[in-house]
Structure formats: structure tokens, C-alpha cells
N, C-alpha and C. Protein backbone atom coordinates (compact mmCIF):
# COMPACT_ATOMS: atom_id res chain seq x y z
N MET A 1 34.94 -89.58 -48.83
CA MET A 1 34.81 -88.21 -48.37
C MET A 1 33.59 -87.60 -49.06
N SER A 2 32.79 -86.88 -48.29
CA SER A 2 31.58 -86.29 -48.86
C SER A 2 31.93 -85.08 -49.71
N ALA A 3 30.97 -84.69 -50.54
CA ALA A 3 31.19 -83.54 -51.42
C ALA A 3 31.28 -82.25 -50.60
N VAL A 4 30.59 -82.22 -49.47
CA VAL A 4 30.62 -81.04 -48.61
C VAL A 4 31.55 -81.31 -47.43
N GLU A 5 32.61 -80.53 -47.33
CA GLU A 5 33.55 -80.70 -46.23
C GLU A 5 32.95 -80.11 -44.96
N GLN A 6 33.11 -80.81 -43.85
CA GLN A 6 32.65 -80.31 -42.56
C GLN A 6 33.70 -79.37 -41.99
N ASP A 7 33.26 -78.22 -41.54
CA ASP A 7 34.15 -77.26 -40.89
C ASP A 7 34.53 -77.83 -39.53
N PRO A 8 35.84 -77.97 -39.23
CA PRO A 8 36.24 -78.55 -37.94
C PRO A 8 35.75 -77.73 -36.75
N VAL A 9 35.64 -76.43 -36.92
CA VAL A 9 35.12 -75.59 -35.83
C VAL A 9 33.65 -75.90 -35.58
N GLU A 10 32.89 -76.04 -36.66
CA GLU A 10 31.47 -76.39 -36.50
C GLU A 10 31.30 -77.75 -35.86
N LEU A 11 32.13 -78.71 -36.26
CA LEU A 11 32.05 -80.05 -35.65
C LEU A 11 32.32 -79.97 -34.15
N MET A 12 33.33 -79.20 -33.76
CA MET A 12 33.66 -79.04 -32.35
C MET A 12 32.51 -78.37 -31.61
N LEU A 13 31.93 -77.33 -32.20
CA LEU A 13 30.83 -76.62 -31.54
C LEU A 13 29.59 -77.49 -31.40
N LYS A 14 29.36 -78.38 -32.36
CA LYS A 14 28.23 -79.30 -32.25
C LYS A 14 28.41 -80.21 -31.04
N LYS A 15 29.66 -80.63 -30.79
CA LYS A 15 29.93 -81.49 -29.63
C LYS A 15 29.68 -80.77 -28.31
N THR A 16 29.88 -79.45 -28.30
CA THR A 16 29.70 -78.69 -27.06
C THR A 16 28.23 -78.43 -26.76
N GLY A 17 27.39 -78.50 -27.78
CA GLY A 17 25.98 -78.17 -27.59
C GLY A 17 25.73 -76.67 -27.71
N CYS A 18 26.72 -75.92 -28.13
CA CYS A 18 26.61 -74.45 -28.20
C CYS A 18 26.52 -73.92 -29.62
N ILE A 19 26.34 -74.79 -30.59
CA ILE A 19 26.37 -74.37 -31.99
C ILE A 19 25.29 -73.35 -32.32
N GLU A 20 24.09 -73.52 -31.78
CA GLU A 20 23.01 -72.58 -32.08
C GLU A 20 23.33 -71.18 -31.56
N LEU A 21 23.94 -71.10 -30.39
CA LEU A 21 24.33 -69.81 -29.85
C LEU A 21 25.43 -69.18 -30.70
N HIS A 22 26.32 -69.99 -31.22
CA HIS A 22 27.37 -69.52 -32.13
C HIS A 22 26.73 -68.90 -33.37
N TYR A 23 25.72 -69.58 -33.92
CA TYR A 23 25.03 -69.05 -35.10
C TYR A 23 24.34 -67.72 -34.78
N LYS A 24 23.75 -67.61 -33.58
CA LYS A 24 23.09 -66.36 -33.20
C LYS A 24 24.07 -65.20 -33.14
N VAL A 25 25.27 -65.46 -32.61
CA VAL A 25 26.30 -64.42 -32.57
C VAL A 25 26.66 -64.02 -34.00
N GLN A 26 26.88 -65.00 -34.88
CA GLN A 26 27.24 -64.71 -36.27
C GLN A 26 26.14 -63.91 -36.97
N GLU A 27 24.89 -64.30 -36.75
CA GLU A 27 23.76 -63.60 -37.37
C GLU A 27 23.69 -62.16 -36.89
N CYS A 28 23.87 -61.96 -35.59
CA CYS A 28 23.81 -60.62 -35.01
C CYS A 28 24.90 -59.74 -35.63
N ILE A 29 26.10 -60.27 -35.73
CA ILE A 29 27.21 -59.50 -36.29
C ILE A 29 26.93 -59.19 -37.77
N ALA A 30 26.38 -60.15 -38.49
CA ALA A 30 26.06 -59.93 -39.90
C ALA A 30 24.98 -58.85 -40.06
N GLU A 31 23.99 -58.86 -39.15
CA GLU A 31 22.89 -57.90 -39.24
C GLU A 31 23.32 -56.50 -38.82
N THR A 32 24.11 -56.41 -37.75
CA THR A 32 24.46 -55.10 -37.21
C THR A 32 25.78 -54.57 -37.75
N GLY A 33 26.67 -55.47 -38.15
CA GLY A 33 27.99 -55.05 -38.60
C GLY A 33 28.89 -54.62 -37.45
N ASP A 34 28.46 -54.87 -36.22
CA ASP A 34 29.22 -54.42 -35.05
C ASP A 34 29.07 -55.44 -33.93
N TRP A 35 30.14 -56.18 -33.66
CA TRP A 35 30.08 -57.23 -32.62
C TRP A 35 29.75 -56.66 -31.25
N ARG A 36 30.06 -55.38 -31.04
CA ARG A 36 29.78 -54.76 -29.73
C ARG A 36 28.28 -54.67 -29.46
N MET A 37 27.48 -54.65 -30.51
CA MET A 37 26.02 -54.59 -30.34
C MET A 37 25.44 -55.97 -30.05
N CYS A 38 26.28 -56.98 -30.04
CA CYS A 38 25.84 -58.37 -29.87
C CYS A 38 26.30 -58.97 -28.55
N GLN A 39 26.63 -58.13 -27.59
CA GLN A 39 27.22 -58.62 -26.34
C GLN A 39 26.33 -59.60 -25.58
N ASP A 40 25.02 -59.42 -25.62
CA ASP A 40 24.12 -60.38 -24.93
C ASP A 40 24.30 -61.78 -25.52
N LYS A 41 24.33 -61.86 -26.84
CA LYS A 41 24.48 -63.16 -27.49
C LYS A 41 25.88 -63.73 -27.27
N VAL A 42 26.89 -62.85 -27.27
CA VAL A 42 28.27 -63.29 -27.00
C VAL A 42 28.36 -63.86 -25.58
N LYS A 43 27.73 -63.19 -24.62
CA LYS A 43 27.76 -63.66 -23.23
C LYS A 43 27.07 -65.00 -23.09
N GLU A 44 25.94 -65.20 -23.78
CA GLU A 44 25.24 -66.48 -23.74
C GLU A 44 26.13 -67.59 -24.29
N PHE A 45 26.77 -67.32 -25.43
CA PHE A 45 27.66 -68.30 -26.06
C PHE A 45 28.84 -68.62 -25.14
N LYS A 46 29.42 -67.58 -24.56
CA LYS A 46 30.57 -67.77 -23.66
C LYS A 46 30.18 -68.62 -22.44
N ALA A 47 28.99 -68.34 -21.88
CA ALA A 47 28.52 -69.11 -20.72
C ALA A 47 28.30 -70.57 -21.10
N CYS A 48 27.75 -70.80 -22.27
CA CYS A 48 27.53 -72.18 -22.74
C CYS A 48 28.86 -72.91 -22.88
N MET A 49 29.83 -72.25 -23.49
CA MET A 49 31.15 -72.87 -23.67
C MET A 49 31.82 -73.13 -22.33
N GLN A 50 31.70 -72.18 -21.39
CA GLN A 50 32.30 -72.38 -20.07
C GLN A 50 31.66 -73.55 -19.35
N ASN A 51 30.35 -73.70 -19.49
CA ASN A 51 29.64 -74.82 -18.90
C ASN A 51 30.16 -76.14 -19.47
N TYR A 52 30.37 -76.18 -20.78
CA TYR A 52 30.92 -77.38 -21.42
C TYR A 52 32.31 -77.70 -20.87
N VAL A 53 33.17 -76.68 -20.78
CA VAL A 53 34.53 -76.87 -20.26
C VAL A 53 34.47 -77.38 -18.82
N ASP A 54 33.59 -76.80 -18.02
CA ASP A 54 33.45 -77.23 -16.62
C ASP A 54 33.02 -78.70 -16.54
N GLN A 55 32.08 -79.09 -17.39
CA GLN A 55 31.62 -80.49 -17.41
C GLN A 55 32.75 -81.42 -17.80
N GLN A 56 33.53 -81.03 -18.80
CA GLN A 56 34.65 -81.87 -19.23
C GLN A 56 35.71 -81.97 -18.14
N THR A 57 35.95 -80.87 -17.45
CA THR A 57 36.94 -80.86 -16.37
C THR A 57 36.52 -81.83 -15.27
N LYS A 58 35.24 -81.79 -14.90
CA LYS A 58 34.73 -82.71 -13.87
C LYS A 58 34.81 -84.15 -14.34
N LYS A 59 34.48 -84.36 -15.61
CA LYS A 59 34.45 -85.70 -16.19
C LYS A 59 35.82 -86.35 -16.14
N TYR A 60 36.87 -85.56 -16.37
CA TYR A 60 38.23 -86.11 -16.41
C TYR A 60 39.07 -85.79 -15.19
N ALA A 61 38.45 -85.22 -14.17
CA ALA A 61 39.19 -84.83 -12.96
C ALA A 61 39.83 -86.02 -12.26
N ASN A 62 39.18 -87.18 -12.31
CA ASN A 62 39.69 -88.36 -11.61
C ASN A 62 40.55 -89.25 -12.49
N VAL A 63 40.71 -88.88 -13.75
CA VAL A 63 41.52 -89.66 -14.67
C VAL A 63 42.98 -89.27 -14.47
N LYS A 64 43.82 -90.28 -14.26
CA LYS A 64 45.24 -89.98 -14.01
C LYS A 64 46.09 -90.47 -15.17
């Protein structure tokens, strides 16, 4: 086991390809202190995650 533990959420987000957008949302919230001011970044992240879910759904649609 490495000295630095990997955050399971970060590992999952890396698999989705949306990790950078996740960081942008976190940075915006840290800078502004108000998630409501970060809605553009939240929407980008949400769209990325939905795209990943859609791809996975198609990928496993024929698996029984």
C-alpha cells in the first residue's frame, strides 16, 4: 500500500474523464464561497458525467 491513499471518489472520477471539471467546480466554490456562483462549471461537470453514464449504458445495453 502506498503512503498516499487514493480517494475512491477521485479514482472513480478519473475513470469518467471528468476529473478536471470536478476540480474546476471545487476551485470555484473555494474562491467564491458560494456554489450558486459556480453553476456554469457545475453544468459542465454534470454534462460530462451524463455523457459517461450514457456511454456506459450503451456499452452494456446488449449484455444480458
